[in-house]
Amino acid sequence: MSESTTPTLRIQPLASEHYLYKLTSPRTTFGRSPANDVMLSDIRVSRFHAAIVLQPPFALVEDVGSRNGVLLNGHAVMHAALSHGDVLTMGDCVIHVVWEGHEAQHIEAEALSSIPGWRPASVDESNETRK
């Protein structure tokens, strides 16, 4: 992953302060324990709460067994890909994801109206297969 596509986190442990953390390691851990890469001093954050894994060109967040969960844009997640502008919440700590070249990181999936090559069996066909 080149420096231009390495995400930066804007970490807000309290509403009145924030700091920037550049993700450079393949795996960055978050939690209350000093053994984590990013220590979050919040009673609602587990000792080992979450990790962000870099898998170029993506960054993935994973809940590593936290008690109060990881929220991505307000929704609880166990594993999820991160995009520019995403907001992670761990306890009362808010983390904004910033990509420096974010246009290459946005992923959209197109919904399929049906599964190619699949069709439901009719009532007659399903009865014939049971005989």
N, C-alpha and C. Protein backbone atom coordinates (compact mmCIF):
# COMPACT_ATOMS: atom_id res chain seq x y z
N MET A 1 0.84 -1.17 0.00
CA MET A 1 0.00 0.00 0.00
C MET A 1 0.89 1.23 0.00
N SER A 2 0.69 2.10 -0.96
CA SER A 2 1.51 3.30 -1.03
C SER A 2 1.06 4.31 0.00
N GLU A 3 1.94 5.23 0.32
CA GLU A 3 1.62 6.25 1.32
C GLU A 3 0.39 7.06 0.91
N SER A 4 0.19 7.27 -0.40
CA SER A 4 -0.93 8.10 -0.82
C SER A 4 -2.27 7.41 -0.59
N THR A 5 -2.29 6.10 -0.40
CA THR A 5 -3.55 5.41 -0.16
C THR A 5 -3.63 4.83 1.24
N THR A 6 -2.74 5.23 2.11
CA THR A 6 -2.79 4.76 3.49
C THR A 6 -3.80 5.60 4.27
N PRO A 7 -4.77 4.95 4.92
CA PRO A 7 -5.76 5.74 5.65
C PRO A 7 -5.19 6.37 6.92
N THR A 8 -5.77 7.49 7.28
CA THR A 8 -5.46 8.17 8.52
C THR A 8 -6.73 8.19 9.35
N LEU A 9 -6.58 8.03 10.66
CA LEU A 9 -7.73 8.08 11.56
C LEU A 9 -7.70 9.39 12.33
N ARG A 10 -8.85 10.01 12.43
CA ARG A 10 -9.01 11.20 13.29
C ARG A 10 -9.73 10.70 14.53
N ILE A 11 -9.00 10.51 15.59
CA ILE A 11 -9.51 9.88 16.80
C ILE A 11 -9.95 10.96 17.79
N GLN A 12 -11.20 10.85 18.24
CA GLN A 12 -11.76 11.79 19.21
C GLN A 12 -12.14 11.03 20.48
N PRO A 13 -11.20 10.93 21.43
CA PRO A 13 -11.55 10.24 22.67
C PRO A 13 -12.55 11.03 23.50
N LEU A 14 -12.55 12.35 23.36
CA LEU A 14 -13.51 13.24 24.03
C LEU A 14 -14.02 14.22 22.98
N ALA A 15 -15.19 14.76 23.20
CA ALA A 15 -15.78 15.68 22.22
C ALA A 15 -14.91 16.90 21.97
N SER A 16 -14.10 17.30 22.94
CA SER A 16 -13.34 18.54 22.82
C SER A 16 -11.92 18.35 22.29
N GLU A 17 -11.50 17.13 22.02
CA GLU A 17 -10.13 16.92 21.54
C GLU A 17 -10.09 15.85 20.46
N HIS A 18 -9.01 15.86 19.69
CA HIS A 18 -8.79 14.80 18.70
C HIS A 18 -7.30 14.74 18.35
N TYR A 19 -6.90 13.62 17.78
CA TYR A 19 -5.55 13.50 17.26
C TYR A 19 -5.59 12.60 16.03
N LEU A 20 -4.56 12.71 15.20
CA LEU A 20 -4.48 11.93 13.97
C LEU A 20 -3.57 10.74 14.18
N TYR A 21 -3.95 9.60 13.58
CA TYR A 21 -3.15 8.38 13.67
C TYR A 21 -3.10 7.78 12.27
N LYS A 22 -1.90 7.73 11.70
CA LYS A 22 -1.69 7.19 10.35
C LYS A 22 -1.56 5.67 10.45
N LEU A 23 -2.39 4.94 9.73
CA LEU A 23 -2.30 3.48 9.72
C LEU A 23 -1.16 3.06 8.81
N THR A 24 -0.13 2.45 9.37
CA THR A 24 1.01 2.00 8.58
C THR A 24 1.31 0.52 8.79
N SER A 25 0.86 -0.04 9.89
CA SER A 25 1.10 -1.46 10.18
C SER A 25 0.03 -2.31 9.51
N PRO A 26 0.35 -3.56 9.20
CA PRO A 26 -0.66 -4.46 8.62
C PRO A 26 -1.86 -4.65 9.54
N ARG A 27 -1.65 -4.55 10.86
CA ARG A 27 -2.74 -4.72 11.83
C ARG A 27 -2.53 -3.71 12.97
N THR A 28 -3.55 -2.92 13.24
CA THR A 28 -3.52 -1.94 14.32
C THR A 28 -4.62 -2.29 15.31
N THR A 29 -4.25 -2.43 16.59
CA THR A 29 -5.23 -2.83 17.60
C THR A 29 -5.66 -1.64 18.45
N PHE A 30 -6.90 -1.73 18.96
CA PHE A 30 -7.52 -0.67 19.75
C PHE A 30 -8.09 -1.27 21.03
N GLY A 31 -7.92 -0.58 22.13
CA GLY A 31 -8.51 -1.03 23.39
C GLY A 31 -7.97 -0.25 24.57
N ARG A 32 -8.45 -0.61 25.76
CA ARG A 32 -8.02 0.07 26.99
C ARG A 32 -6.64 -0.36 27.44
N SER A 33 -6.21 -1.57 27.08
CA SER A 33 -4.91 -2.08 27.53
C SER A 33 -3.76 -1.33 26.86
N PRO A 34 -2.69 -1.06 27.62
CA PRO A 34 -1.50 -0.44 27.02
C PRO A 34 -0.83 -1.35 25.99
N ALA A 35 -1.21 -2.61 25.93
CA ALA A 35 -0.63 -3.52 24.94
C ALA A 35 -1.15 -3.25 23.53
N ASN A 36 -2.18 -2.42 23.38
CA ASN A 36 -2.73 -2.09 22.07
C ASN A 36 -1.89 -1.02 21.39
N ASP A 37 -2.00 -0.96 20.07
CA ASP A 37 -1.33 0.10 19.31
C ASP A 37 -1.96 1.45 19.62
N VAL A 38 -3.28 1.48 19.75
CA VAL A 38 -4.00 2.70 20.09
C VAL A 38 -4.76 2.43 21.39
N MET A 39 -4.34 3.10 22.45
CA MET A 39 -4.99 2.91 23.75
C MET A 39 -6.10 3.94 23.91
N LEU A 40 -7.30 3.45 24.21
CA LEU A 40 -8.47 4.30 24.39
C LEU A 40 -8.90 4.22 25.85
N SER A 41 -8.73 5.29 26.59
CA SER A 41 -9.05 5.31 28.02
C SER A 41 -10.52 5.63 28.22
N ASP A 42 -11.35 4.63 27.99
CA ASP A 42 -12.80 4.78 28.11
C ASP A 42 -13.31 3.50 28.75
N ILE A 43 -14.07 3.61 29.82
CA ILE A 43 -14.55 2.44 30.55
C ILE A 43 -15.44 1.55 29.69
N ARG A 44 -16.07 2.10 28.65
CA ARG A 44 -16.93 1.31 27.75
C ARG A 44 -16.14 0.60 26.65
N VAL A 45 -14.85 0.85 26.58
CA VAL A 45 -13.98 0.18 25.62
C VAL A 45 -13.34 -1.01 26.32
N SER A 46 -13.38 -2.18 25.67
CA SER A 46 -12.78 -3.39 26.24
C SER A 46 -11.26 -3.28 26.22
N ARG A 47 -10.61 -4.11 27.03
CA ARG A 47 -9.14 -4.10 27.05
C ARG A 47 -8.60 -4.37 25.66
N PHE A 48 -9.18 -5.31 24.94
CA PHE A 48 -8.85 -5.59 23.55
C PHE A 48 -10.17 -5.49 22.79
N HIS A 49 -10.38 -4.39 22.09
CA HIS A 49 -11.69 -4.06 21.55
C HIS A 49 -11.83 -4.35 20.06
N ALA A 50 -10.89 -3.83 19.27
CA ALA A 50 -11.02 -3.93 17.81
C ALA A 50 -9.65 -3.89 17.16
N ALA A 51 -9.65 -4.20 15.86
CA ALA A 51 -8.42 -4.10 15.07
C ALA A 51 -8.79 -3.59 13.68
N ILE A 52 -7.86 -2.88 13.07
CA ILE A 52 -7.99 -2.52 11.67
C ILE A 52 -6.86 -3.22 10.94
N VAL A 53 -7.24 -3.98 9.92
CA VAL A 53 -6.29 -4.78 9.15
C VAL A 53 -6.17 -4.16 7.76
N LEU A 54 -4.94 -3.89 7.34
CA LEU A 54 -4.70 -3.37 5.99
C LEU A 54 -4.48 -4.54 5.05
N GLN A 55 -5.33 -4.62 4.03
CA GLN A 55 -5.19 -5.60 2.96
C GLN A 55 -5.31 -4.81 1.66
N PRO A 56 -4.18 -4.30 1.17
CA PRO A 56 -4.20 -3.39 0.04
C PRO A 56 -5.10 -3.88 -1.10
N PRO A 57 -5.94 -3.01 -1.63
CA PRO A 57 -6.06 -1.58 -1.32
C PRO A 57 -7.14 -1.28 -0.27
N PHE A 58 -7.47 -2.24 0.56
CA PHE A 58 -8.56 -2.08 1.52
C PHE A 58 -8.06 -2.00 2.96
N ALA A 59 -8.94 -1.49 3.81
CA ALA A 59 -8.75 -1.53 5.26
C ALA A 59 -10.02 -2.14 5.84
N LEU A 60 -9.86 -3.09 6.72
CA LEU A 60 -10.99 -3.80 7.31
C LEU A 60 -10.99 -3.61 8.81
N VAL A 61 -12.15 -3.34 9.40
CA VAL A 61 -12.26 -3.26 10.85
C VAL A 61 -12.86 -4.57 11.33
N GLU A 62 -12.39 -5.03 12.48
CA GLU A 62 -12.97 -6.24 13.07
C GLU A 62 -13.10 -6.06 14.58
N ASP A 63 -14.21 -6.51 15.10
CA ASP A 63 -14.44 -6.54 16.54
C ASP A 63 -13.71 -7.77 17.04
N VAL A 64 -12.84 -7.62 18.01
CA VAL A 64 -12.05 -8.76 18.50
C VAL A 64 -12.61 -9.33 19.80
N GLY A 65 -13.94 -9.24 19.94
CA GLY A 65 -14.59 -9.80 21.12
C GLY A 65 -14.91 -8.77 22.18
N SER A 66 -15.17 -7.55 21.75
CA SER A 66 -15.46 -6.48 22.71
C SER A 66 -16.81 -6.71 23.39
N ARG A 67 -16.96 -6.15 24.56
CA ARG A 67 -18.21 -6.28 25.30
C ARG A 67 -19.30 -5.37 24.73
N ASN A 68 -18.93 -4.15 24.33
CA ASN A 68 -19.92 -3.17 23.87
C ASN A 68 -19.97 -2.99 22.36
N GLY A 69 -19.18 -3.73 21.62
CA GLY A 69 -19.26 -3.71 20.18
C GLY A 69 -18.54 -2.55 19.49
N VAL A 70 -18.49 -2.67 18.18
CA VAL A 70 -17.91 -1.66 17.30
C VAL A 70 -19.03 -1.19 16.39
N LEU A 71 -19.21 0.12 16.31
CA LEU A 71 -20.22 0.68 15.41
C LEU A 71 -19.52 1.29 14.21
N LEU A 72 -20.04 0.99 13.04
CA LEU A 72 -19.57 1.60 11.79
C LEU A 72 -20.75 2.38 11.23
N ASN A 73 -20.61 3.69 11.21
CA ASN A 73 -21.68 4.58 10.76
C ASN A 73 -23.00 4.28 11.49
N GLY A 74 -22.88 3.99 12.79
CA GLY A 74 -24.06 3.78 13.62
C GLY A 74 -24.59 2.36 13.67
N HIS A 75 -23.96 1.43 12.94
CA HIS A 75 -24.42 0.04 12.89
C HIS A 75 -23.37 -0.89 13.48
N ALA A 76 -23.80 -1.81 14.33
CA ALA A 76 -22.87 -2.77 14.92
C ALA A 76 -22.31 -3.69 13.84
N VAL A 77 -20.98 -3.91 13.88
CA VAL A 77 -20.33 -4.79 12.90
C VAL A 77 -19.34 -5.71 13.61
N MET A 78 -19.13 -6.87 13.02
CA MET A 78 -18.07 -7.77 13.48
C MET A 78 -16.85 -7.63 12.56
N HIS A 79 -17.11 -7.53 11.25
CA HIS A 79 -16.07 -7.35 10.23
C HIS A 79 -16.67 -6.45 9.16
N ALA A 80 -15.92 -5.48 8.70
CA ALA A 80 -16.43 -4.60 7.64
C ALA A 80 -15.28 -3.88 6.97
N ALA A 81 -15.47 -3.59 5.67
CA ALA A 81 -14.50 -2.79 4.92
C ALA A 81 -14.75 -1.31 5.25
N LEU A 82 -13.68 -0.55 5.29
CA LEU A 82 -13.76 0.88 5.60
C LEU A 82 -13.61 1.71 4.33
N SER A 83 -14.34 2.81 4.28
CA SER A 83 -14.27 3.76 3.17
C SER A 83 -14.02 5.15 3.72
N HIS A 84 -13.59 6.04 2.84
CA HIS A 84 -13.38 7.44 3.23
C HIS A 84 -14.67 8.00 3.82
N GLY A 85 -14.54 8.68 4.95
CA GLY A 85 -15.70 9.31 5.57
C GLY A 85 -16.43 8.44 6.57
N ASP A 86 -16.07 7.16 6.66
CA ASP A 86 -16.72 6.29 7.64
C ASP A 86 -16.43 6.78 9.05
N VAL A 87 -17.36 6.48 9.96
CA VAL A 87 -17.20 6.85 11.36
C VAL A 87 -17.32 5.58 12.20
N LEU A 88 -16.25 5.28 12.94
CA LEU A 88 -16.24 4.16 13.87
C LEU A 88 -16.52 4.69 15.27
N THR A 89 -17.27 3.93 16.06
CA THR A 89 -17.50 4.29 17.45
C THR A 89 -17.15 3.10 18.32
N MET A 90 -16.29 3.35 19.30
CA MET A 90 -15.90 2.35 20.30
C MET A 90 -16.11 3.01 21.65
N GLY A 91 -17.10 2.56 22.39
CA GLY A 91 -17.45 3.25 23.63
C GLY A 91 -17.90 4.66 23.29
N ASP A 92 -17.33 5.65 23.95
CA ASP A 92 -17.63 7.06 23.65
C ASP A 92 -16.61 7.67 22.70
N CYS A 93 -15.67 6.88 22.23
CA CYS A 93 -14.62 7.36 21.33
C CYS A 93 -15.12 7.30 19.88
N VAL A 94 -14.96 8.40 19.16
CA VAL A 94 -15.38 8.49 17.77
C VAL A 94 -14.12 8.56 16.90
N ILE A 95 -14.10 7.74 15.84
CA ILE A 95 -12.94 7.67 14.96
C ILE A 95 -13.40 7.89 13.52
N HIS A 96 -12.89 8.94 12.89
CA HIS A 96 -13.22 9.26 11.50
C HIS A 96 -12.13 8.67 10.60
N VAL A 97 -12.55 8.01 9.52
CA VAL A 97 -11.61 7.40 8.57
C VAL A 97 -11.39 8.38 7.42
N VAL A 98 -10.12 8.70 7.16
CA VAL A 98 -9.77 9.63 6.09
C VAL A 98 -8.78 8.95 5.16
N TRP A 99 -9.14 8.82 3.88
CA TRP A 99 -8.23 8.27 2.87
C TRP A 99 -7.68 9.43 2.08
N GLU A 100 -6.38 9.42 1.83
CA GLU A 100 -5.74 10.47 1.02
C GLU A 100 -5.83 10.09 -0.43
N GLY A 101 -6.70 9.87 -1.13
CA GLY A 101 -6.80 9.32 -2.46
C GLY A 101 -8.02 8.43 -2.40
N HIS A 102 -8.97 8.92 -1.66
CA HIS A 102 -10.13 8.12 -1.30
C HIS A 102 -10.98 7.67 -2.46
N GLU A 103 -10.90 8.35 -3.61
CA GLU A 103 -11.76 7.95 -4.71
C GLU A 103 -11.49 6.51 -5.16
N ALA A 104 -10.27 6.02 -4.96
CA ALA A 104 -9.94 4.64 -5.35
C ALA A 104 -10.41 3.63 -4.32
N GLN A 105 -10.80 4.08 -3.13
CA GLN A 105 -11.16 3.16 -2.06
C GLN A 105 -12.65 2.87 -1.97
N HIS A 106 -13.49 3.68 -2.63
CA HIS A 106 -14.93 3.51 -2.50
C HIS A 106 -15.38 2.29 -3.30
N ILE A 107 -16.14 1.43 -2.67
CA ILE A 107 -16.59 0.19 -3.31
C ILE A 107 -18.11 0.21 -3.35
N GLU A 108 -18.68 -0.06 -4.51
CA GLU A 108 -20.12 -0.19 -4.61
C GLU A 108 -20.43 -1.55 -5.19
N ALA A 109 -21.43 -2.18 -4.63
CA ALA A 109 -21.89 -3.46 -5.16
C ALA A 109 -23.21 -3.23 -5.86
N GLU A 110 -23.35 -3.82 -7.03
CA GLU A 110 -24.58 -3.69 -7.78
C GLU A 110 -25.49 -4.85 -7.39
N ALA A 111 -26.72 -4.55 -7.05
CA ALA A 111 -27.67 -5.59 -6.66
C ALA A 111 -28.09 -6.39 -7.89
N LEU A 112 -28.21 -7.69 -7.73
CA LEU A 112 -28.68 -8.56 -8.80
C LEU A 112 -30.18 -8.72 -8.67
N SER A 113 -30.89 -8.64 -9.80
CA SER A 113 -32.33 -8.86 -9.74
C SER A 113 -32.63 -10.35 -9.59
N SER A 114 -31.70 -11.18 -10.03
CA SER A 114 -31.83 -12.63 -9.85
C SER A 114 -30.44 -13.24 -9.87
N ILE A 115 -30.36 -14.46 -9.46
CA ILE A 115 -29.08 -15.16 -9.47
C ILE A 115 -28.92 -15.80 -10.85
N PRO A 116 -27.85 -15.47 -11.58
CA PRO A 116 -27.66 -16.01 -12.92
C PRO A 116 -27.67 -17.54 -12.91
N GLY A 117 -28.45 -18.12 -13.85
CA GLY A 117 -28.49 -19.58 -13.98
C GLY A 117 -29.39 -20.28 -12.99
N TRP A 118 -30.11 -19.52 -12.17
CA TRP A 118 -30.98 -20.14 -11.17
C TRP A 118 -32.40 -19.72 -11.43
N ARG A 119 -33.32 -20.67 -11.29
CA ARG A 119 -34.74 -20.35 -11.36
C ARG A 119 -35.47 -21.23 -10.36
N PRO A 120 -36.52 -20.72 -9.77
CA PRO A 120 -37.24 -21.54 -8.80
C PRO A 120 -37.95 -22.69 -9.49
N ALA A 121 -38.06 -23.80 -8.81
CA ALA A 121 -38.78 -24.95 -9.34
C ALA A 121 -40.27 -24.67 -9.27
N SER A 122 -41.00 -25.10 -10.31
CA SER A 122 -42.45 -24.93 -10.26
C SER A 122 -43.03 -26.02 -9.36
N VAL A 123 -44.29 -25.89 -9.02
CA VAL A 123 -44.94 -26.87 -8.14
C VAL A 123 -44.90 -28.25 -8.77
N ASP A 124 -45.15 -28.34 -10.10
CA ASP A 124 -45.15 -29.64 -10.79
C ASP A 124 -43.77 -30.27 -10.76
N GLU A 125 -42.72 -29.46 -11.01
CA GLU A 125 -41.36 -29.99 -11.00
C GLU A 125 -40.97 -30.51 -9.63
N SER A 126 -41.35 -29.80 -8.57
CA SER A 126 -40.96 -30.24 -7.24
C SER A 126 -41.68 -31.52 -6.85
N ASN A 127 -42.93 -31.72 -7.33
CA ASN A 127 -43.65 -32.97 -7.04
C ASN A 127 -43.03 -34.13 -7.78
N GLU A 128 -42.58 -33.90 -9.02
CA GLU A 128 -41.97 -34.97 -9.81
C GLU A 128 -40.65 -35.44 -9.20
N THR A 129 -39.89 -34.54 -8.61
CA THR A 129 -38.60 -34.94 -8.05
C THR A 129 -38.76 -35.75 -6.78
N ARG A 130 -39.92 -35.65 -6.12
CA ARG A 130 -40.14 -36.41 -4.90
C ARG A 130 -40.55 -37.85 -5.18
N LYS A 131 -41.08 -38.15 -6.40
CA LYS A 131 -41.56 -39.50 -6.72
C LYS A 131 -40.43 -40.46 -6.94
